[in-house]
Structure formats: C-alpha cells, structure tokens
Amino acid sequence: MSGVSASNGMRQNKLIGLILLIVPSLFFIFFSYLLLFTRWDILVIKTTLIIIVGILMSVLVWMGYTMATAPREK
C-alpha cells in the first residue's frame, strides 16, 4: 500500500512542478506584452510598484506588530 501512496505523491509533485513551470512563464510573457506592446505600460508599472511596496510594507508592519506585542523576557 505504501507504494501506491508514494506513487500518488510523486505524481502530485510532478503536476505541481509542471504548473509552476507553465503559469509563471505565461505570466511573464503576458506581463512583457503589456509593458512593451500596449499603451498601458505606465499603468502596469505603477500597479506593479504599488503591489511590491504594499507587500514589503505589510511585512514590515507584521514584524513591528510581532516585536511590539511579544512578551517580555524574564
């Protein structure tokens, strides 16, 4: 029975790997197309920067909150 379970896990890992190979590649092609061949290039850049800065600031806020609410060491 463990052979069947290992085989299913391996098949699932390969499927996830294939998805991780295809989806980011397609996203990069679509992103590049928007930046280089449409008139929405500035909007795409602005949106990308807003998302990146938002993620970075969220991580910093989370770190600050965790540090501020951590129990004192004795």
PDB file of N, CA and C in Angstrom:
ATOM      1  N   MET A   1       0.807  -1.195   0.000  1.00  0.00           N
ATOM      2  CA  MET A   1       0.000   0.000   0.000  1.00  0.00           C
ATOM      3  C   MET A   1       0.854   1.264   0.000  1.00  0.00           C
ATOM      4  N   SER A   2       1.985   1.236   0.648  1.00  0.00           N
ATOM      5  CA  SER A   2       2.813   2.432   0.704  1.00  0.00           C
ATOM      6  C   SER A   2       3.362   2.790  -0.671  1.00  0.00           C
ATOM      7  N   GLY A   3       3.525   1.803  -1.554  1.00  0.00           N
ATOM      8  CA  GLY A   3       3.983   2.079  -2.908  1.00  0.00           C
ATOM      9  C   GLY A   3       2.969   2.881  -3.701  1.00  0.00           C
ATOM     10  N   VAL A   4       1.711   2.568  -3.505  1.00  0.00           N
ATOM     11  CA  VAL A   4       0.644   3.304  -4.194  1.00  0.00           C
ATOM     12  C   VAL A   4       0.601   4.736  -3.694  1.00  0.00           C
ATOM     13  N   SER A   5       0.722   4.916  -2.392  1.00  0.00           N
ATOM     14  CA  SER A   5       0.691   6.257  -1.803  1.00  0.00           C
ATOM     15  C   SER A   5       1.877   7.094  -2.273  1.00  0.00           C
ATOM     16  N   ALA A   6       3.048   6.486  -2.330  1.00  0.00           N
ATOM     17  CA  ALA A   6       4.237   7.207  -2.778  1.00  0.00           C
ATOM     18  C   ALA A   6       4.105   7.590  -4.248  1.00  0.00           C
ATOM     19  N   SER A   7       3.515   6.708  -5.037  1.00  0.00           N
ATOM     20  CA  SER A   7       3.333   6.989  -6.452  1.00  0.00           C
ATOM     21  C   SER A   7       2.378   8.162  -6.658  1.00  0.00           C
ATOM     22  N   ASN A   8       1.297   8.213  -5.874  1.00  0.00           N
ATOM     23  CA  ASN A   8       0.352   9.328  -5.978  1.00  0.00           C
ATOM     24  C   ASN A   8       1.008  10.636  -5.557  1.00  0.00           C
ATOM     25  N   GLY A   9       1.814  10.582  -4.497  1.00  0.00           N
ATOM     26  CA  GLY A   9       2.509  11.786  -4.047  1.00  0.00           C
ATOM     27  C   GLY A   9       3.496  12.286  -5.082  1.00  0.00           C
ATOM     28  N   MET A  10       4.199  11.337  -5.740  1.00  0.00           N
ATOM     29  CA  MET A  10       5.162  11.714  -6.769  1.00  0.00           C
ATOM     30  C   MET A  10       4.450  12.324  -7.971  1.00  0.00           C
ATOM     31  N   ARG A  11       3.304  11.740  -8.339  1.00  0.00           N
ATOM     32  CA  ARG A  11       2.520  12.263  -9.461  1.00  0.00           C
ATOM     33  C   ARG A  11       2.017  13.668  -9.147  1.00  0.00           C
ATOM     34  N   GLN A  12       1.581  13.885  -7.899  1.00  0.00           N
ATOM     35  CA  GLN A  12       1.087  15.202  -7.499  1.00  0.00           C
ATOM     36  C   GLN A  12       2.224  16.225  -7.515  1.00  0.00           C
ATOM     37  N   ASN A  13       3.420  15.825  -7.058  1.00  0.00           N
ATOM     38  CA  ASN A  13       4.575  16.730  -7.084  1.00  0.00           C
ATOM     39  C   ASN A  13       4.942  17.110  -8.509  1.00  0.00           C
ATOM     40  N   LYS A  14       4.874  16.150  -9.424  1.00  0.00           N
ATOM     41  CA  LYS A  14       5.182  16.449 -10.824  1.00  0.00           C
ATOM     42  C   LYS A  14       4.149  17.396 -11.421  1.00  0.00           C
ATOM     43  N   LEU A  15       2.877  17.221 -11.057  1.00  0.00           N
ATOM     44  CA  LEU A  15       1.829  18.114 -11.544  1.00  0.00           C
ATOM     45  C   LEU A  15       2.042  19.531 -11.019  1.00  0.00           C
ATOM     46  N   ILE A  16       2.350  19.647  -9.741  1.00  0.00           N
ATOM     47  CA  ILE A  16       2.617  20.965  -9.166  1.00  0.00           C
ATOM     48  C   ILE A  16       3.843  21.588  -9.826  1.00  0.00           C
ATOM     49  N   GLY A  17       4.870  20.786 -10.061  1.00  0.00           N
ATOM     50  CA  GLY A  17       6.062  21.281 -10.742  1.00  0.00           C
ATOM     51  C   GLY A  17       5.749  21.771 -12.146  1.00  0.00           C
ATOM     52  N   LEU A  18       4.911  21.033 -12.858  1.00  0.00           N
ATOM     53  CA  LEU A  18       4.533  21.440 -14.205  1.00  0.00           C
ATOM     54  C   LEU A  18       3.733  22.743 -14.179  1.00  0.00           C
ATOM     55  N   ILE A  19       2.836  22.872 -13.221  1.00  0.00           N
ATOM     56  CA  ILE A  19       2.071  24.114 -13.071  1.00  0.00           C
ATOM     57  C   ILE A  19       3.009  25.272 -12.758  1.00  0.00           C
ATOM     58  N   LEU A  20       3.983  25.037 -11.858  1.00  0.00           N
ATOM     59  CA  LEU A  20       4.941  26.090 -11.505  1.00  0.00           C
ATOM     60  C   LEU A  20       5.872  26.423 -12.667  1.00  0.00           C
ATOM     61  N   LEU A  21       5.991  25.555 -13.604  1.00  0.00           N
ATOM     62  CA  LEU A  21       6.788  25.828 -14.791  1.00  0.00           C
ATOM     63  C   LEU A  21       6.008  26.647 -15.813  1.00  0.00           C
ATOM     64  N   ILE A  22       4.737  26.298 -15.997  1.00  0.00           N
ATOM     65  CA  ILE A  22       3.933  26.902 -17.064  1.00  0.00           C
ATOM     66  C   ILE A  22       3.331  28.251 -16.662  1.00  0.00           C
ATOM     67  N   VAL A  23       2.709  28.333 -15.488  1.00  0.00           N
ATOM     68  CA  VAL A  23       1.983  29.548 -15.102  1.00  0.00           C
ATOM     69  C   VAL A  23       2.906  30.778 -15.017  1.00  0.00           C
ATOM     70  N   PRO A  24       4.054  30.709 -14.307  1.00  0.00           N
ATOM     71  CA  PRO A  24       4.911  31.895 -14.288  1.00  0.00           C
ATOM     72  C   PRO A  24       5.463  32.262 -15.664  1.00  0.00           C
ATOM     73  N   SER A  25       5.725  31.267 -16.498  1.00  0.00           N
ATOM     74  CA  SER A  25       6.209  31.561 -17.853  1.00  0.00           C
ATOM     75  C   SER A  25       5.153  32.323 -18.651  1.00  0.00           C
ATOM     76  N   LEU A  26       3.911  31.853 -18.583  1.00  0.00           N
ATOM     77  CA  LEU A  26       2.829  32.545 -19.282  1.00  0.00           C
ATOM     78  C   LEU A  26       2.597  33.941 -18.713  1.00  0.00           C
ATOM     79  N   PHE A  27       2.674  34.062 -17.380  1.00  0.00           N
ATOM     80  CA  PHE A  27       2.504  35.374 -16.765  1.00  0.00           C
ATOM     81  C   PHE A  27       3.599  36.325 -17.221  1.00  0.00           C
ATOM     82  N   PHE A  28       4.842  35.864 -17.293  1.00  0.00           N
ATOM     83  CA  PHE A  28       5.945  36.716 -17.744  1.00  0.00           C
ATOM     84  C   PHE A  28       5.736  37.169 -19.179  1.00  0.00           C
ATOM     85  N   ILE A  29       5.296  36.266 -20.036  1.00  0.00           N
ATOM     86  CA  ILE A  29       5.036  36.636 -21.426  1.00  0.00           C
ATOM     87  C   ILE A  29       3.914  37.677 -21.502  1.00  0.00           C
ATOM     88  N   PHE A  30       2.836  37.467 -20.756  1.00  0.00           N
ATOM     89  CA  PHE A  30       1.720  38.416 -20.736  1.00  0.00           C
ATOM     90  C   PHE A  30       2.157  39.770 -20.173  1.00  0.00           C
ATOM     91  N   PHE A  31       2.920  39.757 -19.082  1.00  0.00           N
ATOM     92  CA  PHE A  31       3.422  40.981 -18.455  1.00  0.00           C
ATOM     93  C   PHE A  31       4.326  41.744 -19.429  1.00  0.00           C
ATOM     94  N   SER A  32       5.222  41.027 -20.088  1.00  0.00           N
ATOM     95  CA  SER A  32       6.114  41.663 -21.063  1.00  0.00           C
ATOM     96  C   SER A  32       5.333  42.260 -22.217  1.00  0.00           C
ATOM     97  N   TYR A  33       4.327  41.538 -22.674  1.00  0.00           N
ATOM     98  CA  TYR A  33       3.480  42.055 -23.750  1.00  0.00           C
ATOM     99  C   TYR A  33       2.804  43.359 -23.328  1.00  0.00           C
ATOM    100  N   LEU A  34       2.239  43.384 -22.112  1.00  0.00           N
ATOM    101  CA  LEU A  34       1.583  44.601 -21.636  1.00  0.00           C
ATOM    102  C   LEU A  34       2.558  45.768 -21.549  1.00  0.00           C
ATOM    103  N   LEU A  35       3.781  45.493 -21.096  1.00  0.00           N
ATOM    104  CA  LEU A  35       4.760  46.566 -20.957  1.00  0.00           C
ATOM    105  C   LEU A  35       5.282  47.071 -22.299  1.00  0.00           C
ATOM    106  N   LEU A  36       5.490  46.183 -23.235  1.00  0.00           N
ATOM    107  CA  LEU A  36       6.190  46.564 -24.458  1.00  0.00           C
ATOM    108  C   LEU A  36       5.288  46.883 -25.641  1.00  0.00           C
ATOM    109  N   PHE A  37       4.101  46.301 -25.694  1.00  0.00           N
ATOM    110  CA  PHE A  37       3.315  46.406 -26.915  1.00  0.00           C
ATOM    111  C   PHE A  37       1.921  47.000 -26.727  1.00  0.00           C
ATOM    112  N   THR A  38       1.630  47.570 -25.563  1.00  0.00           N
ATOM    113  CA  THR A  38       0.337  48.212 -25.371  1.00  0.00           C
ATOM    114  C   THR A  38       0.554  49.630 -24.862  1.00  0.00           C
ATOM    115  N   ARG A  39      -0.514  50.378 -24.834  1.00  0.00           N
ATOM    116  CA  ARG A  39      -0.409  51.741 -24.303  1.00  0.00           C
ATOM    117  C   ARG A  39      -0.633  51.777 -22.794  1.00  0.00           C
ATOM    118  N   TRP A  40      -0.766  50.615 -22.169  1.00  0.00           N
ATOM    119  CA  TRP A  40      -0.980  50.534 -20.727  1.00  0.00           C
ATOM    120  C   TRP A  40       0.320  50.359 -19.962  1.00  0.00           C
ATOM    121  N   ASP A  41       1.457  50.624 -20.587  1.00  0.00           N
ATOM    122  CA  ASP A  41       2.746  50.354 -19.957  1.00  0.00           C
ATOM    123  C   ASP A  41       2.919  51.106 -18.633  1.00  0.00           C
ATOM    124  N   ILE A  42       2.572  52.379 -18.577  1.00  0.00           N
ATOM    125  CA  ILE A  42       2.745  53.156 -17.349  1.00  0.00           C
ATOM    126  C   ILE A  42       1.816  52.635 -16.252  1.00  0.00           C
ATOM    127  N   LEU A  43       0.582  52.297 -16.609  1.00  0.00           N
ATOM    128  CA  LEU A  43      -0.357  51.748 -15.627  1.00  0.00           C
ATOM    129  C   LEU A  43       0.154  50.412 -15.074  1.00  0.00           C
ATOM    130  N   VAL A  44       0.708  49.577 -15.929  1.00  0.00           N
ATOM    131  CA  VAL A  44       1.248  48.285 -15.490  1.00  0.00           C
ATOM    132  C   VAL A  44       2.422  48.509 -14.538  1.00  0.00           C
ATOM    133  N   ILE A  45       3.301  49.442 -14.862  1.00  0.00           N
ATOM    134  CA  ILE A  45       4.447  49.735 -13.989  1.00  0.00           C
ATOM    135  C   ILE A  45       3.970  50.271 -12.644  1.00  0.00           C
ATOM    136  N   LYS A  46       3.037  51.209 -12.670  1.00  0.00           N
ATOM    137  CA  LYS A  46       2.517  51.774 -11.421  1.00  0.00           C
ATOM    138  C   LYS A  46       1.843  50.711 -10.562  1.00  0.00           C
ATOM    139  N   THR A  47       1.024  49.864 -11.190  1.00  0.00           N
ATOM    140  CA  THR A  47       0.332  48.809 -10.450  1.00  0.00           C
ATOM    141  C   THR A  47       1.323  47.826  -9.841  1.00  0.00           C
ATOM    142  N   THR A  48       2.335  47.475 -10.610  1.00  0.00           N
ATOM    143  CA  THR A  48       3.357  46.550 -10.115  1.00  0.00           C
ATOM    144  C   THR A  48       4.095  47.145  -8.921  1.00  0.00           C
ATOM    145  N   LEU A  49       4.465  48.392  -9.018  1.00  0.00           N
ATOM    146  CA  LEU A  49       5.172  49.051  -7.907  1.00  0.00           C
ATOM    147  C   LEU A  49       4.295  49.159  -6.668  1.00  0.00           C
ATOM    148  N   ILE A  50       3.022  49.482  -6.852  1.00  0.00           N
ATOM    149  CA  ILE A  50       2.097  49.559  -5.710  1.00  0.00           C
ATOM    150  C   ILE A  50       2.012  48.204  -5.012  1.00  0.00           C
ATOM    151  N   ILE A  51       1.902  47.138  -5.796  1.00  0.00           N
ATOM    152  CA  ILE A  51       1.806  45.796  -5.213  1.00  0.00           C
ATOM    153  C   ILE A  51       3.086  45.438  -4.471  1.00  0.00           C
ATOM    154  N   ILE A  52       4.251  45.703  -5.076  1.00  0.00           N
ATOM    155  CA  ILE A  52       5.528  45.373  -4.432  1.00  0.00           C
ATOM    156  C   ILE A  52       5.710  46.162  -3.139  1.00  0.00           C
ATOM    157  N   VAL A  53       5.464  47.462  -3.189  1.00  0.00           N
ATOM    158  CA  VAL A  53       5.606  48.292  -1.986  1.00  0.00           C
ATOM    159  C   VAL A  53       4.595  47.861  -0.928  1.00  0.00           C
ATOM    160  N   GLY A  54       3.376  47.547  -1.327  1.00  0.00           N
ATOM    161  CA  GLY A  54       2.365  47.082  -0.373  1.00  0.00           C
ATOM    162  C   GLY A  54       2.786  45.802   0.327  1.00  0.00           C
ATOM    163  N   ILE A  55       3.344  44.865  -0.422  1.00  0.00           N
ATOM    164  CA  ILE A  55       3.813  43.616   0.180  1.00  0.00           C
ATOM    165  C   ILE A  55       4.959  43.882   1.145  1.00  0.00           C
ATOM    166  N   LEU A  56       5.928  44.691   0.731  1.00  0.00           N
ATOM    167  CA  LEU A  56       7.061  44.998   1.615  1.00  0.00           C
ATOM    168  C   LEU A  56       6.608  45.709   2.888  1.00  0.00           C
ATOM    169  N   MET A  57       5.718  46.679   2.761  1.00  0.00           N
ATOM    170  CA  MET A  57       5.242  47.402   3.941  1.00  0.00           C
ATOM    171  C   MET A  57       4.417  46.491   4.850  1.00  0.00           C
ATOM    172  N   SER A  58       3.654  45.582   4.262  1.00  0.00           N
ATOM    173  CA  SER A  58       2.893  44.626   5.072  1.00  0.00           C
ATOM    174  C   SER A  58       3.811  43.738   5.898  1.00  0.00           C
ATOM    175  N   VAL A  59       4.916  43.312   5.314  1.00  0.00           N
ATOM    176  CA  VAL A  59       5.888  42.500   6.051  1.00  0.00           C
ATOM    177  C   VAL A  59       6.498  43.314   7.186  1.00  0.00           C
ATOM    178  N   LEU A  60       6.837  44.567   6.922  1.00  0.00           N
ATOM    179  CA  LEU A  60       7.409  45.413   7.974  1.00  0.00           C
ATOM    180  C   LEU A  60       6.399  45.688   9.089  1.00  0.00           C
ATOM    181  N   VAL A  61       5.133  45.927   8.731  1.00  0.00           N
ATOM    182  CA  VAL A  61       4.087  46.139   9.738  1.00  0.00           C
ATOM    183  C   VAL A  61       3.920  44.883  10.581  1.00  0.00           C
ATOM    184  N   TRP A  62       3.906  43.721   9.938  1.00  0.00           N
ATOM    185  CA  TRP A  62       3.784  42.458  10.659  1.00  0.00           C
ATOM    186  C   TRP A  62       4.962  42.254  11.616  1.00  0.00           C
ATOM    187  N   MET A  63       6.171  42.577  11.161  1.00  0.00           N
ATOM    188  CA  MET A  63       7.346  42.446  12.029  1.00  0.00           C
ATOM    189  C   MET A  63       7.258  43.404  13.211  1.00  0.00           C
ATOM    190  N   GLY A  64       6.857  44.635  12.949  1.00  0.00           N
ATOM    191  CA  GLY A  64       6.723  45.611  14.024  1.00  0.00           C
ATOM    192  C   GLY A  64       5.669  45.212  15.034  1.00  0.00           C
ATOM    193  N   TYR A  65       4.552  44.733  14.557  1.00  0.00           N
ATOM    194  CA  TYR A  65       3.484  44.277  15.445  1.00  0.00           C
ATOM    195  C   TYR A  65       3.958  43.102  16.293  1.00  0.00           C
ATOM    196  N   THR A  66       4.636  42.164  15.659  1.00  0.00           N
ATOM    197  CA  THR A  66       5.139  40.993  16.390  1.00  0.00           C
ATOM    198  C   THR A  66       6.138  41.408  17.458  1.00  0.00           C
ATOM    199  N   MET A  67       7.012  42.334  17.141  1.00  0.00           N
ATOM    200  CA  MET A  67       8.005  42.801  18.116  1.00  0.00           C
ATOM    201  C   MET A  67       7.342  43.601  19.239  1.00  0.00           C
ATOM    202  N   ALA A  68       6.370  44.423  18.890  1.00  0.00           N
ATOM    203  CA  ALA A  68       5.718  45.269  19.891  1.00  0.00           C
ATOM    204  C   ALA A  68       4.837  44.471  20.843  1.00  0.00           C
ATOM    205  N   THR A  69       4.267  43.394  20.381  1.00  0.00           N
ATOM    206  CA  THR A  69       3.345  42.622  21.227  1.00  0.00           C
ATOM    207  C   THR A  69       3.987  41.364  21.819  1.00  0.00           C
ATOM    208  N   ALA A  70       5.274  41.178  21.588  1.00  0.00           N
ATOM    209  CA  ALA A  70       5.954  39.992  22.133  1.00  0.00           C
ATOM    210  C   ALA A  70       6.050  40.117  23.657  1.00  0.00           C
ATOM    211  N   PRO A  71       5.880  39.009  24.359  1.00  0.00           N
ATOM    212  CA  PRO A  71       6.020  39.063  25.821  1.00  0.00           C
ATOM    213  C   PRO A  71       7.463  39.368  26.213  1.00  0.00           C
ATOM    214  N   ARG A  72       7.614  40.074  27.321  1.00  0.00           N
ATOM    215  CA  ARG A  72       8.951  40.418  27.821  1.00  0.00           C
ATOM    216  C   ARG A  72       9.682  39.186  28.310  1.00  0.00           C
ATOM    217  N   GLU A  73      10.981  39.196  28.075  1.00  0.00           N
ATOM    218  CA  GLU A  73      11.792  38.102  28.607  1.00  0.00           C
ATOM    219  C   GLU A  73      12.089  38.371  30.077  1.00  0.00           C
ATOM    220  N   LYS A  74      12.188  37.297  30.850  1.00  0.00           N
ATOM    221  CA  LYS A  74      12.463  37.461  32.278  1.00  0.00           C
ATOM    222  C   LYS A  74      13.934  37.427  32.559  1.00  0.00           C
TER     223      LYS A  74
END
